[in-house]
Amino acid sequence: MQSTSKQNQIIMAGSLIVAVSYGWGRYNYGLFLPYIEAEFGLDTVGQGLIASLSYSGYLLMTLFASLFAARLGPRAMITTGGILATLGLWLVYQANNIVMLTIGLTIAGISPGLCYTPLSEVAVREFPTSKQARAYSLMNTGTSFGVMAAGPIVIWYYDMWRDAWLAFAALALLISLWNAWLMPGRNPNIAQPEISLRRFINNLLKRQHSTSNHRRLYIFSFMVGVSCSIYWTYAVITLSTEMQLETDAIATFWILLGIFGVVGGIIGDMVRRFGFNKSLLTLSLVLSGCHLIIYLQPSYYAALLSSASFGAAFIALTGLAGIWSVQAAPDNPARTFGFAFLSMSIGQFVAPFVMGIIANYTSLSDLFLLACGLFAAINLTRPKHDFHTHG
């Protein structure tokens, strides 16, 4: 077991690599979409296609990480993911055509699939049992910090958006090297599992996953992926084009989204006190309200309220999938959560392109009205039997 000082460094490094992979590699595209659209002349279909391609790489890497994480160990997985994020961010900086831009965004989007999966093993190996949940939760907040940090960088490089991506790439490289030094390697004390894609898929499709409760969980996760990707992909471009918001206003909107994402960590206490179904209903109402504000666009301050509310509710809603996974399969929640996470990723992959086609025939703001209906429909997938968490 590591010293307290080393454990704190691991938490910080893990949080920062999540900031790099998720906060910048995955979600930067939505923040910079107004600049990208202006330079490359993308229509809504093209915007959605690029977002979906980014998610497709992430989906494949999530599958890869599930197969190879134990064999390669956290250090190799996390470092490789960080280097891929660095490369992708740098390619976006260099991009002089739409093909190079798409390749850069897709490579950057791959990185979370490699970086995120090994963090649970890091928590188990490097921390005592009493501190593992806290360590993992703190590393998981990196997404919010990455989103927060992107806002000031946008303001600093407001008239040179490419230079912002160069700054992201430089920081990503430093953080990746720090993780390469700190994170543990492969554990030599455990037997290495046989790598078999067929066995992996068969495990996911075992009979325990065909129960009504599991099917509802996976449909719920898919719908979360679809509905939330609308905000991440199209909120900034909608406000920029239809409300004519300036760079400082957009950056403040994005910073608030990141800050309030940390609040979403209270979801465990919500379910313990109010139950799963009431928590889901509350979050779906909040998220419907967030999207309705973007649709109506009453004022800039209302948009800020939407951003803050979405940041908190998004993190909480995705947390519900983990809580439900534990309830559905208490003896092996990791496998159930893996399938739920895969379902969510498929929704995130499908939605941007489909929504881009819809927006091409309607408008960007209409997507947010559609999202309100999706969040209402999520409640139809709730567990038949409500439950509370304990502790």
Protein backbone atom coordinates (compact mmCIF):
# COMPACT_ATOMS: atom_id res chain seq x y z
CA MET A 1 0.00 0.00 0.00
CA GLN A 2 1.29 3.46 -0.90
CA SER A 3 2.00 6.34 1.49
CA THR A 4 -0.64 9.02 1.92
CA SER A 5 1.43 11.47 -0.13
CA LYS A 6 1.77 8.99 -3.02
CA GLN A 7 -1.95 8.19 -2.84
CA ASN A 8 -2.81 11.88 -3.12
CA GLN A 9 -0.57 12.16 -6.16
CA ILE A 10 -2.29 9.17 -7.76
CA ILE A 11 -5.71 10.73 -7.15
CA MET A 12 -4.56 14.00 -8.71
CA ALA A 13 -2.95 12.28 -11.70
CA GLY A 14 -6.01 10.07 -12.24
CA SER A 15 -8.33 13.05 -12.05
CA LEU A 16 -6.23 14.97 -14.57
CA ILE A 17 -6.09 12.09 -17.07
CA VAL A 18 -9.90 11.91 -16.89
CA ALA A 19 -9.95 15.68 -17.51
CA VAL A 20 -7.75 15.16 -20.58
CA SER A 21 -9.64 12.19 -22.02
CA TYR A 22 -13.24 13.11 -21.24
CA GLY A 23 -13.18 16.86 -20.60
CA TRP A 24 -11.03 17.66 -23.64
CA GLY A 25 -10.83 14.58 -25.85
CA ARG A 26 -14.56 13.87 -25.79
CA TYR A 27 -16.41 17.10 -24.98
CA ASN A 28 -14.22 19.85 -26.48
CA TYR A 29 -15.90 19.35 -29.84
CA GLY A 30 -19.22 20.74 -28.63
CA LEU A 31 -17.55 23.81 -27.11
CA PHE A 32 -15.56 24.62 -30.25
CA LEU A 33 -18.25 23.68 -32.78
CA PRO A 34 -19.11 27.34 -33.61
CA TYR A 35 -15.47 27.97 -34.61
CA ILE A 36 -15.20 24.68 -36.50
CA GLU A 37 -18.49 25.31 -38.31
CA ALA A 38 -17.38 28.81 -39.32
CA GLU A 39 -14.02 27.66 -40.70
CA PHE A 40 -15.04 24.41 -42.40
CA GLY A 41 -18.62 25.26 -43.36
CA LEU A 42 -20.21 22.20 -41.77
CA ASP A 43 -23.96 21.72 -41.98
CA THR A 44 -25.87 20.01 -39.18
CA VAL A 45 -25.49 16.58 -40.80
CA GLY A 46 -21.72 16.99 -41.00
CA GLN A 47 -21.57 18.24 -37.40
CA GLY A 48 -23.47 15.19 -36.20
CA LEU A 49 -21.45 12.75 -38.33
CA ILE A 50 -18.14 13.95 -36.89
CA ALA A 51 -19.52 13.67 -33.34
CA SER A 52 -20.73 10.13 -34.03
CA LEU A 53 -17.37 9.11 -35.49
CA SER A 54 -15.68 10.38 -32.33
CA TYR A 55 -18.04 8.25 -30.24
CA SER A 56 -17.46 5.24 -32.49
CA GLY A 57 -13.76 5.20 -31.68
CA TYR A 58 -14.59 5.46 -28.00
CA LEU A 59 -17.02 2.56 -28.31
CA LEU A 60 -14.37 0.31 -29.89
CA MET A 61 -11.75 1.25 -27.30
CA THR A 62 -14.17 0.50 -24.47
CA LEU A 63 -14.49 -3.02 -25.89
CA PHE A 64 -10.71 -3.27 -26.30
CA ALA A 65 -10.13 -2.12 -22.71
CA SER A 66 -12.55 -4.74 -21.41
CA LEU A 67 -10.55 -7.44 -23.19
CA PHE A 68 -7.00 -6.30 -22.45
CA ALA A 69 -7.09 -4.24 -19.21
CA ALA A 70 -6.01 -7.09 -16.91
CA ARG A 71 -3.29 -8.29 -19.29
CA LEU A 72 -1.73 -4.85 -19.95
CA GLY A 73 -2.19 -3.20 -16.55
CA PRO A 74 -3.24 0.38 -15.67
CA ARG A 75 0.02 2.13 -16.58
CA ALA A 76 0.09 0.93 -20.18
CA MET A 77 -3.63 1.55 -20.73
CA ILE A 78 -3.72 5.01 -19.16
CA THR A 79 -0.49 6.20 -20.78
CA THR A 80 -1.57 4.98 -24.21
CA GLY A 81 -4.92 6.71 -23.82
CA GLY A 82 -3.23 9.94 -22.79
CA ILE A 83 -0.81 9.84 -25.73
CA LEU A 84 -3.71 9.22 -28.12
CA ALA A 85 -5.53 12.21 -26.62
CA THR A 86 -2.40 14.31 -27.13
CA LEU A 87 -2.07 13.16 -30.75
CA GLY A 88 -5.75 13.80 -31.49
CA LEU A 89 -5.71 17.28 -29.94
CA TRP A 90 -2.54 18.12 -31.89
CA LEU A 91 -4.06 16.91 -35.18
CA VAL A 92 -7.05 19.19 -34.66
CA TYR A 93 -4.59 22.08 -34.18
CA GLN A 94 -2.89 21.13 -37.45
CA ALA A 95 -6.06 20.34 -39.43
CA ASN A 96 -6.34 22.23 -42.71
CA ASN A 97 -9.18 20.14 -44.13
CA ILE A 98 -12.25 18.33 -42.87
CA VAL A 99 -10.69 14.86 -43.19
CA MET A 100 -7.73 15.70 -40.94
CA LEU A 101 -10.06 17.42 -38.48
CA THR A 102 -12.27 14.32 -38.30
CA ILE A 103 -9.28 12.01 -37.82
CA GLY A 104 -7.98 14.20 -34.99
CA LEU A 105 -11.32 14.35 -33.22
CA THR A 106 -11.83 10.60 -33.61
CA ILE A 107 -8.39 9.78 -32.17
CA ALA A 108 -8.95 12.20 -29.27
CA GLY A 109 -12.35 10.61 -28.69
CA ILE A 110 -10.74 7.18 -28.37
CA SER A 111 -8.75 8.10 -25.27
CA PRO A 112 -11.48 7.79 -22.57
CA GLY A 113 -12.06 4.16 -23.52
CA LEU A 114 -8.47 3.39 -22.52
CA CYS A 115 -7.97 5.80 -19.61
CA TYR A 116 -11.17 5.35 -17.65
CA THR A 117 -11.51 1.57 -17.38
CA PRO A 118 -8.25 0.91 -15.43
CA LEU A 119 -8.96 3.52 -12.73
CA SER A 120 -11.09 1.10 -10.71
CA GLU A 121 -8.13 -1.31 -10.58
CA VAL A 122 -5.87 1.56 -9.51
CA ALA A 123 -8.22 2.34 -6.62
CA VAL A 124 -8.32 -1.30 -5.50
CA ARG A 125 -4.56 -1.87 -5.70
CA GLU A 126 -3.25 1.41 -4.32
CA PHE A 127 -5.74 2.23 -1.55
CA PRO A 128 -7.07 0.42 1.53
CA THR A 129 -10.66 -0.80 1.32
CA SER A 130 -11.96 2.08 3.43
CA LYS A 131 -10.54 4.65 0.98
CA GLN A 132 -11.19 2.99 -2.37
CA ALA A 133 -14.64 4.48 -3.05
CA ARG A 134 -13.47 7.98 -2.16
CA ALA A 135 -10.34 7.68 -4.31
CA TYR A 136 -12.34 6.47 -7.31
CA SER A 137 -14.96 9.20 -6.85
CA LEU A 138 -12.29 11.91 -6.71
CA MET A 139 -10.58 10.63 -9.86
CA ASN A 140 -13.98 10.50 -11.55
CA THR A 141 -14.49 14.26 -11.00
CA GLY A 142 -11.84 14.91 -13.64
CA THR A 143 -14.48 15.31 -16.35
CA SER A 144 -15.96 18.32 -14.57
CA PHE A 145 -12.55 19.88 -14.00
CA GLY A 146 -11.60 19.35 -17.65
CA VAL A 147 -14.79 21.05 -18.81
CA MET A 148 -14.19 23.91 -16.36
CA ALA A 149 -10.60 24.41 -17.53
CA ALA A 150 -11.62 24.54 -21.18
CA GLY A 151 -13.67 27.71 -20.62
CA PRO A 152 -10.79 30.05 -19.61
CA ILE A 153 -8.60 28.61 -22.40
CA VAL A 154 -11.32 29.53 -24.92
CA ILE A 155 -11.36 33.10 -23.58
CA TRP A 156 -7.56 33.32 -23.72
CA TYR A 157 -7.41 32.10 -27.32
CA TYR A 158 -10.78 33.50 -28.43
CA ASP A 159 -9.51 34.69 -31.84
CA MET A 160 -7.09 31.77 -32.38
CA TRP A 161 -9.13 28.65 -31.66
CA ARG A 162 -6.46 26.34 -33.10
CA ASP A 163 -3.89 27.58 -30.58
CA ALA A 164 -6.26 26.52 -27.81
CA TRP A 165 -6.04 22.94 -29.09
CA LEU A 166 -2.25 23.19 -29.12
CA ALA A 167 -2.38 24.26 -25.46
CA PHE A 168 -4.66 21.30 -24.69
CA ALA A 169 -2.22 18.95 -26.46
CA ALA A 170 0.79 20.27 -24.54
CA LEU A 171 -0.97 19.90 -21.20
CA ALA A 172 -2.25 16.44 -22.18
CA LEU A 173 1.32 15.28 -22.92
CA LEU A 174 2.62 16.46 -19.54
CA ILE A 175 -0.28 14.81 -17.70
CA SER A 176 0.21 11.56 -19.64
CA LEU A 177 3.89 11.44 -18.72
CA TRP A 178 3.06 12.06 -15.06
CA ASN A 179 0.59 9.15 -15.14
CA ALA A 180 3.21 6.94 -16.82
CA TRP A 181 5.49 7.59 -13.85
CA LEU A 182 2.87 7.18 -11.09
CA MET A 183 0.40 4.52 -12.16
CA PRO A 184 0.99 0.84 -11.33
CA GLY A 185 1.92 -1.65 -14.03
CA ARG A 186 0.47 -5.09 -14.66
CA ASN A 187 -0.22 -7.08 -11.52
CA PRO A 188 2.05 -10.17 -11.69
CA ASN A 189 0.17 -11.88 -8.85
CA ILE A 190 -3.04 -12.55 -10.76
CA ALA A 191 -3.60 -15.06 -13.53
CA GLN A 192 -3.89 -13.46 -16.94
CA PRO A 193 -7.29 -14.22 -18.51
CA GLU A 194 -7.58 -15.71 -21.94
CA ILE A 195 -8.36 -13.01 -24.49
CA SER A 196 -11.40 -14.03 -26.50
CA LEU A 197 -13.85 -11.65 -28.13
CA ARG A 198 -16.35 -14.49 -28.50
CA ARG A 199 -16.11 -15.32 -24.79
CA PHE A 200 -16.48 -11.65 -23.88
CA ILE A 201 -19.65 -11.28 -25.96
CA ASN A 202 -21.02 -14.56 -24.62
CA ASN A 203 -20.44 -13.34 -21.06
CA LEU A 204 -22.36 -10.16 -21.80
CA LEU A 205 -25.21 -12.12 -23.30
CA LYS A 206 -25.50 -14.67 -20.53
CA ARG A 207 -28.96 -15.55 -19.41
CA GLN A 208 -28.82 -13.27 -16.37
CA HIS A 209 -28.86 -10.30 -18.78
CA SER A 210 -32.21 -11.33 -20.31
CA THR A 211 -34.34 -10.62 -17.23
CA SER A 212 -36.89 -7.82 -17.35
CA ASN A 213 -34.89 -5.77 -14.84
CA HIS A 214 -31.72 -6.04 -16.95
CA ARG A 215 -33.53 -5.17 -20.17
CA ARG A 216 -34.99 -2.06 -18.55
CA LEU A 217 -31.53 -1.06 -17.29
CA TYR A 218 -29.99 -1.38 -20.75
CA ILE A 219 -32.84 0.50 -22.47
CA PHE A 220 -32.55 3.19 -19.79
CA SER A 221 -28.79 3.46 -20.40
CA PHE A 222 -29.26 3.67 -24.17
CA MET A 223 -31.81 6.47 -23.79
CA VAL A 224 -29.51 8.36 -21.42
CA GLY A 225 -26.79 8.19 -24.08
CA VAL A 226 -29.12 9.43 -26.82
CA SER A 227 -30.79 12.26 -24.92
CA CYS A 228 -27.72 13.70 -23.15
CA SER A 229 -25.57 13.71 -26.30
CA ILE A 230 -27.89 16.36 -27.77
CA TYR A 231 -26.83 18.88 -25.14
CA TRP A 232 -23.12 18.02 -25.27
CA THR A 233 -23.01 18.28 -29.07
CA TYR A 234 -25.44 21.06 -29.97
CA ALA A 235 -26.00 23.37 -26.96
CA VAL A 236 -23.12 25.75 -27.67
CA ILE A 237 -23.65 25.96 -31.45
CA THR A 238 -27.38 26.59 -30.88
CA LEU A 239 -26.76 29.44 -28.42
CA SER A 240 -23.97 30.85 -30.58
CA THR A 241 -26.00 30.97 -33.78
CA GLU A 242 -29.51 31.67 -32.50
CA MET A 243 -28.74 33.90 -29.47
CA GLN A 244 -25.58 35.40 -30.98
CA LEU A 245 -23.59 34.85 -27.77
CA GLU A 246 -19.99 36.06 -27.70
CA THR A 247 -16.92 34.04 -26.65
CA ASP A 248 -16.93 35.20 -23.01
CA ALA A 249 -20.60 34.30 -22.62
CA ILE A 250 -20.12 30.85 -24.16
CA ALA A 251 -17.06 30.19 -21.96
CA THR A 252 -19.00 31.14 -18.82
CA PHE A 253 -21.80 28.79 -19.90
CA TRP A 254 -19.27 25.93 -20.27
CA ILE A 255 -17.44 26.67 -17.02
CA LEU A 256 -20.70 26.53 -15.05
CA LEU A 257 -21.52 23.18 -16.64
CA GLY A 258 -18.22 21.80 -15.34
CA ILE A 259 -18.46 23.36 -11.88
CA PHE A 260 -21.91 22.00 -11.16
CA GLY A 261 -21.00 18.57 -12.51
CA VAL A 262 -19.29 17.97 -9.18
CA VAL A 263 -22.70 18.35 -7.47
CA GLY A 264 -23.93 15.27 -9.33
CA GLY A 265 -21.97 13.12 -6.91
CA ILE A 266 -24.82 13.40 -4.38
CA ILE A 267 -26.91 10.91 -6.38
CA GLY A 268 -26.10 8.06 -3.96
CA ASP A 269 -27.57 10.04 -1.07
CA MET A 270 -30.65 10.89 -3.17
CA VAL A 271 -31.42 7.25 -3.90
CA ARG A 272 -30.83 6.27 -0.28
CA ARG A 273 -33.27 8.91 0.97
CA PHE A 274 -35.92 9.11 -1.76
CA GLY A 275 -35.57 5.85 -3.70
CA PHE A 276 -34.46 5.20 -7.27
CA ASN A 277 -37.71 6.03 -9.07
CA LYS A 278 -38.28 9.38 -7.36
CA SER A 279 -34.65 10.30 -8.01
CA LEU A 280 -35.05 9.38 -11.68
CA LEU A 281 -38.27 11.40 -11.97
CA THR A 282 -36.62 14.43 -10.37
CA LEU A 283 -33.57 14.28 -12.63
CA SER A 284 -35.65 13.77 -15.77
CA LEU A 285 -37.73 16.83 -14.90
CA VAL A 286 -34.59 18.91 -14.29
CA LEU A 287 -33.04 17.76 -17.56
CA SER A 288 -36.26 18.42 -19.47
CA GLY A 289 -36.21 21.94 -18.03
CA CYS A 290 -32.57 22.43 -19.08
CA HIS A 291 -33.39 21.51 -22.67
CA LEU A 292 -36.63 23.51 -22.70
CA ILE A 293 -34.65 26.63 -21.76
CA ILE A 294 -32.33 26.14 -24.73
CA TYR A 295 -35.37 25.65 -26.98
CA LEU A 296 -37.17 28.78 -25.73
CA GLN A 297 -34.00 30.88 -25.23
CA PRO A 298 -35.68 33.42 -22.91
CA SER A 299 -32.42 35.06 -21.78
CA TYR A 300 -28.71 34.53 -21.28
CA TYR A 301 -29.17 34.12 -17.53
CA ALA A 302 -31.72 31.38 -18.16
CA ALA A 303 -29.12 29.67 -20.37
CA LEU A 304 -26.65 29.80 -17.48
CA LEU A 305 -29.26 28.19 -15.22
CA SER A 306 -29.70 25.49 -17.87
CA SER A 307 -25.95 24.88 -18.00
CA ALA A 308 -25.52 24.59 -14.23
CA SER A 309 -28.55 22.31 -13.90
CA PHE A 310 -27.45 20.08 -16.76
CA GLY A 311 -23.93 19.71 -15.33
CA ALA A 312 -25.26 18.41 -12.02
CA ALA A 313 -28.14 16.33 -13.40
CA PHE A 314 -26.08 14.69 -16.16
CA ILE A 315 -23.48 13.33 -13.73
CA ALA A 316 -26.25 12.19 -11.38
CA LEU A 317 -28.24 10.48 -14.15
CA THR A 318 -25.25 8.52 -15.41
CA GLY A 319 -24.56 7.59 -11.78
CA LEU A 320 -28.00 5.99 -11.61
CA ALA A 321 -26.87 3.40 -14.15
CA GLY A 322 -24.11 2.28 -11.79
CA ILE A 323 -26.45 2.18 -8.80
CA TRP A 324 -29.03 0.15 -10.74
CA SER A 325 -26.30 -2.24 -11.94
CA VAL A 326 -25.35 -3.05 -8.34
CA GLN A 327 -29.00 -3.66 -7.46
CA ALA A 328 -29.62 -5.82 -10.54
CA ALA A 329 -26.56 -8.04 -10.01
CA PRO A 330 -25.09 -7.60 -6.52
CA ASP A 331 -22.80 -10.61 -6.96
CA ASN A 332 -21.24 -9.32 -10.19
CA PRO A 333 -22.13 -5.65 -10.77
CA ALA A 334 -19.06 -4.99 -12.93
CA ARG A 335 -20.34 -7.18 -15.78
CA THR A 336 -23.84 -5.68 -15.63
CA PHE A 337 -22.46 -2.14 -15.48
CA GLY A 338 -20.18 -2.96 -18.43
CA PHE A 339 -23.19 -3.86 -20.54
CA ALA A 340 -25.10 -0.78 -19.31
CA PHE A 341 -22.10 1.42 -20.13
CA LEU A 342 -21.87 -0.18 -23.57
CA SER A 343 -25.59 0.52 -24.14
CA MET A 344 -25.06 4.15 -23.14
CA SER A 345 -22.10 4.43 -25.52
CA ILE A 346 -24.17 3.03 -28.40
CA GLY A 347 -26.78 5.71 -27.73
CA GLN A 348 -24.08 8.40 -27.74
CA PHE A 349 -22.74 7.01 -31.01
CA VAL A 350 -26.08 6.88 -32.82
CA ALA A 351 -27.66 10.13 -31.61
CA PRO A 352 -25.45 12.98 -32.98
CA PHE A 353 -25.66 11.88 -36.61
CA VAL A 354 -29.39 11.12 -36.45
CA MET A 355 -30.08 14.41 -34.66
CA GLY A 356 -27.99 16.26 -37.23
CA ILE A 357 -30.21 14.88 -40.01
CA ILE A 358 -33.35 15.89 -38.07
CA ALA A 359 -31.96 19.41 -37.49
CA ASN A 360 -31.25 19.71 -41.21
CA TYR A 361 -35.00 19.52 -41.86
CA THR A 362 -36.13 21.47 -38.78
CA SER A 363 -33.73 23.55 -36.66
CA LEU A 364 -31.09 23.07 -34.00
CA SER A 365 -33.36 24.40 -31.26
CA ASP A 366 -36.04 21.85 -32.17
CA LEU A 367 -33.65 19.09 -31.07
CA PHE A 368 -33.94 20.35 -27.51
CA LEU A 369 -37.72 20.12 -27.60
CA LEU A 370 -37.32 16.53 -28.80
CA ALA A 371 -34.94 15.89 -25.90
CA CYS A 372 -37.65 16.99 -23.43
CA GLY A 373 -39.83 14.17 -24.72
CA LEU A 374 -36.98 11.68 -24.47
CA PHE A 375 -36.34 12.55 -20.84
CA ALA A 376 -40.02 12.10 -20.06
CA ALA A 377 -39.96 8.71 -21.79
CA ILE A 378 -36.94 7.57 -19.73
CA ASN A 379 -39.28 7.18 -16.77
CA LEU A 380 -41.06 4.37 -18.64
CA THR A 381 -37.89 2.28 -18.28
CA ARG A 382 -37.64 2.66 -14.48
CA PRO A 383 -37.39 -0.49 -12.32
CA LYS A 384 -40.73 -2.18 -11.69
CA HIS A 385 -39.82 -2.43 -8.03
CA ASP A 386 -38.38 0.72 -6.50
CA PHE A 387 -35.37 0.41 -4.20
CA HIS A 388 -33.19 2.46 -1.84
CA THR A 389 -29.45 2.28 -1.38
CA HIS A 390 -28.01 1.69 2.08
CA GLY A 391 -25.17 3.19 4.08
